[in-house]
Amino acid sequence: MRIGIDFDNTIVSYDELFHQVAREKNLIPADLPVNKVAVRNHLRSINQEDKWTLMQGEVYGLRMGEARAYDGMKDTIAAFKLTGHQVFIVSHKTKHPFMGPAYDLHQSARNWVDLNLVIGDTRLFEPEAIFYELTKEEKIARVQALGCDLFIDDLPEILAMEGFAANMRKILFDPEGQHESYSESFERVSAWQAIRQLVLR
């Protein structure tokens, strides 16, 4: 089976890093939940959308190396590969931030992969199995071109877009339990260990 996996907020968790950076800049109260969406919603509620946009560039660029992997993700991907499945990263992200310094967001992501998606001396992904597309439409086209039988993403709106093969299996990664209403549309899971059980059962 050929398995495609989204990158941001599916392989990489940014909750702690966004909260940390926002606290360093005194943009949020100390008791705000350690959650990326909570940080975003707070800044929007106080008319600081530009601060949120600038922070995204900083987190995904300059400070990408501080982001952490989701628990259980590496072991799950290693298990996929051990059982003979081909695994790809297919992400959509702009090359540079919309505002602020022109960090190379694709290179920052590649650097993170090189440091974090390894077990011992073994890479989980070779460079030719990683794709950063500029638009959502290009992302879906890439998934199709790779012939993926399964795709894992944290965004229900991506999984619901047209262009995927009709018989492609879709898993919605929902660690915060925000998308319960999509439980009948996709296989919805809250942890990587559950993804492993679904795929390898």
C-alpha atoms as a PDB file:
ATOM      1  CA  MET A   1       0.000   0.000   0.000  1.00  0.00           C
ATOM      2  CA  ARG A   2       1.113   3.556  -0.727  1.00  0.00           C
ATOM      3  CA  ILE A   3       0.490   5.903   2.212  1.00  0.00           C
ATOM      4  CA  GLY A   4       0.583   9.704   1.997  1.00  0.00           C
ATOM      5  CA  ILE A   5       0.905  11.824   5.121  1.00  0.00           C
ATOM      6  CA  ASP A   6       0.452  15.553   5.627  1.00  0.00           C
ATOM      7  CA  PHE A   7       3.264  17.367   7.472  1.00  0.00           C
ATOM      8  CA  ASP A   8       2.219  20.397   9.529  1.00  0.00           C
ATOM      9  CA  ASN A   9      -0.018  19.515  12.492  1.00  0.00           C
ATOM     10  CA  THR A  10      -0.026  15.851  11.431  1.00  0.00           C
ATOM     11  CA  ILE A  11       3.613  14.816  11.752  1.00  0.00           C
ATOM     12  CA  VAL A  12       4.759  17.974  13.563  1.00  0.00           C
ATOM     13  CA  SER A  13       3.014  19.449  16.595  1.00  0.00           C
ATOM     14  CA  TYR A  14       3.304  23.214  17.027  1.00  0.00           C
ATOM     15  CA  ASP A  15       1.087  23.708  20.088  1.00  0.00           C
ATOM     16  CA  GLU A  16       3.881  24.155  22.607  1.00  0.00           C
ATOM     17  CA  LEU A  17       6.047  26.256  20.309  1.00  0.00           C
ATOM     18  CA  PHE A  18       3.321  28.729  19.330  1.00  0.00           C
ATOM     19  CA  HIS A  19       2.376  29.136  22.991  1.00  0.00           C
ATOM     20  CA  GLN A  20       6.031  29.640  23.979  1.00  0.00           C
ATOM     21  CA  VAL A  21       6.718  32.231  21.279  1.00  0.00           C
ATOM     22  CA  ALA A  22       3.501  34.112  22.069  1.00  0.00           C
ATOM     23  CA  ARG A  23       4.407  34.195  25.765  1.00  0.00           C
ATOM     24  CA  GLU A  24       7.918  35.453  24.970  1.00  0.00           C
ATOM     25  CA  LYS A  25       6.328  38.320  23.059  1.00  0.00           C
ATOM     26  CA  ASN A  26       3.772  38.990  25.842  1.00  0.00           C
ATOM     27  CA  LEU A  27       0.917  38.467  23.396  1.00  0.00           C
ATOM     28  CA  ILE A  28      -1.169  36.036  25.441  1.00  0.00           C
ATOM     29  CA  PRO A  29      -2.080  35.519  29.110  1.00  0.00           C
ATOM     30  CA  ALA A  30      -0.091  32.870  30.954  1.00  0.00           C
ATOM     31  CA  ASP A  31      -3.180  30.748  31.589  1.00  0.00           C
ATOM     32  CA  LEU A  32      -4.156  30.415  27.925  1.00  0.00           C
ATOM     33  CA  PRO A  33      -4.278  26.720  26.948  1.00  0.00           C
ATOM     34  CA  VAL A  34      -1.090  25.376  25.359  1.00  0.00           C
ATOM     35  CA  ASN A  35      -2.704  25.054  21.973  1.00  0.00           C
ATOM     36  CA  LYS A  36      -1.963  26.616  18.589  1.00  0.00           C
ATOM     37  CA  VAL A  37      -5.634  27.293  17.832  1.00  0.00           C
ATOM     38  CA  ALA A  38      -6.136  28.922  21.234  1.00  0.00           C
ATOM     39  CA  VAL A  39      -3.204  31.274  20.537  1.00  0.00           C
ATOM     40  CA  ARG A  40      -4.564  32.132  17.088  1.00  0.00           C
ATOM     41  CA  ASN A  41      -8.098  32.723  18.362  1.00  0.00           C
ATOM     42  CA  HIS A  42      -6.890  34.930  21.209  1.00  0.00           C
ATOM     43  CA  LEU A  43      -4.840  37.138  18.883  1.00  0.00           C
ATOM     44  CA  ARG A  44      -7.734  37.433  16.461  1.00  0.00           C
ATOM     45  CA  SER A  45     -10.085  38.332  19.306  1.00  0.00           C
ATOM     46  CA  ILE A  46      -7.892  41.313  20.234  1.00  0.00           C
ATOM     47  CA  ASN A  47      -7.435  42.431  16.609  1.00  0.00           C
ATOM     48  CA  GLN A  48      -3.838  41.229  16.369  1.00  0.00           C
ATOM     49  CA  GLU A  49      -4.137  39.163  13.176  1.00  0.00           C
ATOM     50  CA  ASP A  50      -0.878  40.625  11.835  1.00  0.00           C
ATOM     51  CA  LYS A  51       0.968  39.465  14.952  1.00  0.00           C
ATOM     52  CA  TRP A  52      -0.377  35.960  14.347  1.00  0.00           C
ATOM     53  CA  THR A  53       0.753  36.031  10.700  1.00  0.00           C
ATOM     54  CA  LEU A  54       4.239  37.235  11.665  1.00  0.00           C
ATOM     55  CA  MET A  55       4.469  34.564  14.342  1.00  0.00           C
ATOM     56  CA  GLN A  56       3.628  31.857  11.819  1.00  0.00           C
ATOM     57  CA  GLY A  57       6.596  32.907   9.696  1.00  0.00           C
ATOM     58  CA  GLU A  58       8.873  32.828  12.717  1.00  0.00           C
ATOM     59  CA  VAL A  59       7.665  29.433  13.954  1.00  0.00           C
ATOM     60  CA  TYR A  60       7.671  27.691  10.560  1.00  0.00           C
ATOM     61  CA  GLY A  61      10.938  29.354   9.568  1.00  0.00           C
ATOM     62  CA  LEU A  62      13.456  30.604  12.124  1.00  0.00           C
ATOM     63  CA  ARG A  63      12.288  28.411  15.017  1.00  0.00           C
ATOM     64  CA  MET A  64      11.073  25.318  13.185  1.00  0.00           C
ATOM     65  CA  GLY A  65      13.818  23.267  14.841  1.00  0.00           C
ATOM     66  CA  GLU A  66      12.107  23.696  18.220  1.00  0.00           C
ATOM     67  CA  ALA A  67       8.859  22.039  17.110  1.00  0.00           C
ATOM     68  CA  ARG A  68       8.258  18.492  18.318  1.00  0.00           C
ATOM     69  CA  ALA A  69       7.012  15.353  16.643  1.00  0.00           C
ATOM     70  CA  TYR A  70       3.683  13.851  17.684  1.00  0.00           C
ATOM     71  CA  ASP A  71       4.005  10.985  20.115  1.00  0.00           C
ATOM     72  CA  GLY A  72       3.971   7.586  18.446  1.00  0.00           C
ATOM     73  CA  MET A  73       4.398   8.979  14.935  1.00  0.00           C
ATOM     74  CA  LYS A  74       7.910   7.694  14.262  1.00  0.00           C
ATOM     75  CA  ASP A  75       7.185   4.194  15.537  1.00  0.00           C
ATOM     76  CA  THR A  76       4.002   4.070  13.451  1.00  0.00           C
ATOM     77  CA  ILE A  77       5.751   5.096  10.244  1.00  0.00           C
ATOM     78  CA  ALA A  78       8.571   2.651  10.955  1.00  0.00           C
ATOM     79  CA  ALA A  79       5.968  -0.101  11.389  1.00  0.00           C
ATOM     80  CA  PHE A  80       4.330   0.844   8.080  1.00  0.00           C
ATOM     81  CA  LYS A  81       7.646   0.529   6.284  1.00  0.00           C
ATOM     82  CA  LEU A  82       8.597  -2.678   8.074  1.00  0.00           C
ATOM     83  CA  THR A  83       5.403  -4.309   6.818  1.00  0.00           C
ATOM     84  CA  GLY A  84       6.171  -3.310   3.232  1.00  0.00           C
ATOM     85  CA  HIS A  85       4.124  -0.131   2.778  1.00  0.00           C
ATOM     86  CA  GLN A  86       5.547   2.851   0.862  1.00  0.00           C
ATOM     87  CA  VAL A  87       5.196   6.115   2.776  1.00  0.00           C
ATOM     88  CA  PHE A  88       5.330   9.698   1.474  1.00  0.00           C
ATOM     89  CA  ILE A  89       5.073  13.171   2.988  1.00  0.00           C
ATOM     90  CA  VAL A  90       2.825  15.440   0.915  1.00  0.00           C
ATOM     91  CA  SER A  91       2.371  18.939   2.337  1.00  0.00           C
ATOM     92  CA  HIS A  92       1.185  22.283   1.084  1.00  0.00           C
ATOM     93  CA  LYS A  93       3.101  25.295   2.330  1.00  0.00           C
ATOM     94  CA  THR A  94       4.264  28.544   0.832  1.00  0.00           C
ATOM     95  CA  LYS A  95       7.953  28.946   0.072  1.00  0.00           C
ATOM     96  CA  HIS A  96       8.173  32.118   2.188  1.00  0.00           C
ATOM     97  CA  PRO A  97       5.985  33.715   4.893  1.00  0.00           C
ATOM     98  CA  PHE A  98       3.205  36.115   3.901  1.00  0.00           C
ATOM     99  CA  MET A  99       4.713  38.780   6.172  1.00  0.00           C
ATOM    100  CA  GLY A 100       8.054  39.455   7.826  1.00  0.00           C
ATOM    101  CA  PRO A 101      11.489  38.018   7.037  1.00  0.00           C
ATOM    102  CA  ALA A 102      11.687  35.815   3.924  1.00  0.00           C
ATOM    103  CA  TYR A 103      12.562  32.558   5.674  1.00  0.00           C
ATOM    104  CA  ASP A 104      12.744  29.524   3.371  1.00  0.00           C
ATOM    105  CA  LEU A 105       9.915  27.497   4.891  1.00  0.00           C
ATOM    106  CA  HIS A 106      10.556  24.482   2.677  1.00  0.00           C
ATOM    107  CA  GLN A 107      14.206  24.297   3.728  1.00  0.00           C
ATOM    108  CA  SER A 108      13.257  24.732   7.384  1.00  0.00           C
ATOM    109  CA  ALA A 109      10.914  21.765   7.046  1.00  0.00           C
ATOM    110  CA  ARG A 110      13.586  19.677   5.324  1.00  0.00           C
ATOM    111  CA  ASN A 111      16.045  20.485   8.120  1.00  0.00           C
ATOM    112  CA  TRP A 112      13.463  19.388  10.695  1.00  0.00           C
ATOM    113  CA  VAL A 113      12.908  16.108   8.854  1.00  0.00           C
ATOM    114  CA  ASP A 114      16.660  15.433   8.717  1.00  0.00           C
ATOM    115  CA  LEU A 115      16.957  15.922  12.479  1.00  0.00           C
ATOM    116  CA  ASN A 116      13.734  14.355  13.697  1.00  0.00           C
ATOM    117  CA  LEU A 117      12.501  11.700  11.287  1.00  0.00           C
ATOM    118  CA  VAL A 118      15.272   9.244  11.943  1.00  0.00           C
ATOM    119  CA  ILE A 119      15.533   6.144  14.093  1.00  0.00           C
ATOM    120  CA  GLY A 120      19.151   5.487  14.966  1.00  0.00           C
ATOM    121  CA  ASP A 121      21.008   6.087  11.726  1.00  0.00           C
ATOM    122  CA  THR A 122      18.031   5.228   9.535  1.00  0.00           C
ATOM    123  CA  ARG A 123      15.987   7.882   7.758  1.00  0.00           C
ATOM    124  CA  LEU A 124      12.233   7.332   7.793  1.00  0.00           C
ATOM    125  CA  PHE A 125      11.940   9.336   4.565  1.00  0.00           C
ATOM    126  CA  GLU A 126      14.389   9.748   1.731  1.00  0.00           C
ATOM    127  CA  PRO A 127      14.288  13.202   0.054  1.00  0.00           C
ATOM    128  CA  GLU A 128      12.524  11.806  -3.018  1.00  0.00           C
ATOM    129  CA  ALA A 129       9.596  10.709  -0.829  1.00  0.00           C
ATOM    130  CA  ILE A 130       8.916  14.248   0.472  1.00  0.00           C
ATOM    131  CA  PHE A 131       6.880  16.836  -1.403  1.00  0.00           C
ATOM    132  CA  TYR A 132       6.104  20.429  -0.410  1.00  0.00           C
ATOM    133  CA  GLU A 133       3.508  21.834  -2.777  1.00  0.00           C
ATOM    134  CA  LEU A 134       2.573  25.511  -2.977  1.00  0.00           C
ATOM    135  CA  THR A 135      -1.225  25.076  -3.108  1.00  0.00           C
ATOM    136  CA  LYS A 136      -3.863  22.686  -1.829  1.00  0.00           C
ATOM    137  CA  GLU A 137      -4.750  21.744  -5.386  1.00  0.00           C
ATOM    138  CA  GLU A 138      -1.123  20.862  -6.172  1.00  0.00           C
ATOM    139  CA  LYS A 139      -1.002  18.820  -2.978  1.00  0.00           C
ATOM    140  CA  ILE A 140      -3.990  16.737  -4.037  1.00  0.00           C
ATOM    141  CA  ALA A 141      -2.588  16.336  -7.545  1.00  0.00           C
ATOM    142  CA  ARG A 142       0.655  15.041  -6.015  1.00  0.00           C
ATOM    143  CA  VAL A 143      -1.215  12.527  -3.857  1.00  0.00           C
ATOM    144  CA  GLN A 144      -2.952  11.305  -6.995  1.00  0.00           C
ATOM    145  CA  ALA A 145       0.271  11.175  -9.027  1.00  0.00           C
ATOM    146  CA  LEU A 146       1.888   9.058  -6.311  1.00  0.00           C
ATOM    147  CA  GLY A 147      -1.025   6.646  -6.457  1.00  0.00           C
ATOM    148  CA  CYS A 148      -1.687   6.815  -2.734  1.00  0.00           C
ATOM    149  CA  ASP A 149      -4.154   4.264  -1.397  1.00  0.00           C
ATOM    150  CA  LEU A 150      -4.426   6.100   1.934  1.00  0.00           C
ATOM    151  CA  PHE A 151      -3.961   9.710   2.990  1.00  0.00           C
ATOM    152  CA  ILE A 152      -3.671  11.090   6.533  1.00  0.00           C
ATOM    153  CA  ASP A 153      -4.354  14.787   7.208  1.00  0.00           C
ATOM    154  CA  ASP A 154      -5.445  17.006  10.097  1.00  0.00           C
ATOM    155  CA  LEU A 155      -7.704  19.188   7.924  1.00  0.00           C
ATOM    156  CA  PRO A 156     -11.138  17.816   7.018  1.00  0.00           C
ATOM    157  CA  GLU A 157     -11.467  20.451   4.294  1.00  0.00           C
ATOM    158  CA  ILE A 158      -8.432  18.933   2.547  1.00  0.00           C
ATOM    159  CA  LEU A 159      -9.799  15.389   2.745  1.00  0.00           C
ATOM    160  CA  ALA A 160     -13.149  16.644   1.420  1.00  0.00           C
ATOM    161  CA  MET A 161     -11.682  18.353  -1.658  1.00  0.00           C
ATOM    162  CA  GLU A 162     -12.300  17.030  -5.132  1.00  0.00           C
ATOM    163  CA  GLY A 163      -9.467  15.345  -6.987  1.00  0.00           C
ATOM    164  CA  PHE A 164      -8.715  12.379  -4.754  1.00  0.00           C
ATOM    165  CA  ALA A 165      -9.362   8.903  -6.120  1.00  0.00           C
ATOM    166  CA  ALA A 166     -12.865   7.770  -5.196  1.00  0.00           C
ATOM    167  CA  ASN A 167     -11.572   4.610  -3.512  1.00  0.00           C
ATOM    168  CA  MET A 168      -8.728   6.270  -1.573  1.00  0.00           C
ATOM    169  CA  ARG A 169      -8.948   5.715   2.173  1.00  0.00           C
ATOM    170  CA  LYS A 170      -8.875   8.909   4.264  1.00  0.00           C
ATOM    171  CA  ILE A 171      -7.868   9.222   7.905  1.00  0.00           C
ATOM    172  CA  LEU A 172      -8.548  12.489   9.753  1.00  0.00           C
ATOM    173  CA  PHE A 173      -5.958  13.143  12.472  1.00  0.00           C
ATOM    174  CA  ASP A 174      -7.791  15.061  15.195  1.00  0.00           C
ATOM    175  CA  PRO A 175      -5.662  15.151  18.376  1.00  0.00           C
ATOM    176  CA  GLU A 176      -7.695  17.969  19.954  1.00  0.00           C
ATOM    177  CA  GLY A 177     -11.081  16.424  19.185  1.00  0.00           C
ATOM    178  CA  GLN A 178     -12.223  19.448  17.173  1.00  0.00           C
ATOM    179  CA  HIS A 179     -13.818  17.599  14.257  1.00  0.00           C
ATOM    180  CA  GLU A 180     -16.304  15.178  15.763  1.00  0.00           C
ATOM    181  CA  SER A 181     -18.877  16.134  13.143  1.00  0.00           C
ATOM    182  CA  TYR A 182     -16.672  14.490  10.485  1.00  0.00           C
ATOM    183  CA  SER A 183     -16.684  11.068  12.131  1.00  0.00           C
ATOM    184  CA  GLU A 184     -19.062   9.700   9.506  1.00  0.00           C
ATOM    185  CA  SER A 185     -17.114  11.233   6.606  1.00  0.00           C
ATOM    186  CA  PHE A 186     -13.633   9.961   7.474  1.00  0.00           C
ATOM    187  CA  GLU A 187     -11.899   7.582   9.849  1.00  0.00           C
ATOM    188  CA  ARG A 188     -11.189  10.030  12.674  1.00  0.00           C
ATOM    189  CA  VAL A 189      -8.415   9.343  15.184  1.00  0.00           C
ATOM    190  CA  SER A 190      -6.812  11.351  17.984  1.00  0.00           C
ATOM    191  CA  ALA A 191      -3.428   9.621  18.265  1.00  0.00           C
ATOM    192  CA  TRP A 192      -0.805   8.024  16.064  1.00  0.00           C
ATOM    193  CA  GLN A 193      -1.089   4.752  17.954  1.00  0.00           C
ATOM    194  CA  ALA A 194      -4.708   4.569  16.754  1.00  0.00           C
ATOM    195  CA  ILE A 195      -3.592   5.186  13.161  1.00  0.00           C
ATOM    196  CA  ARG A 196      -1.184   2.284  13.480  1.00  0.00           C
ATOM    197  CA  GLN A 197      -3.944  -0.006  14.696  1.00  0.00           C
ATOM    198  CA  LEU A 198      -6.324   1.083  11.935  1.00  0.00           C
ATOM    199  CA  VAL A 199      -3.838   0.536   9.141  1.00  0.00           C
ATOM    200  CA  LEU A 200      -2.077  -2.603  10.368  1.00  0.00           C
ATOM    201  CA  ARG A 201      -4.992  -4.468  11.960  1.00  0.00           C
END
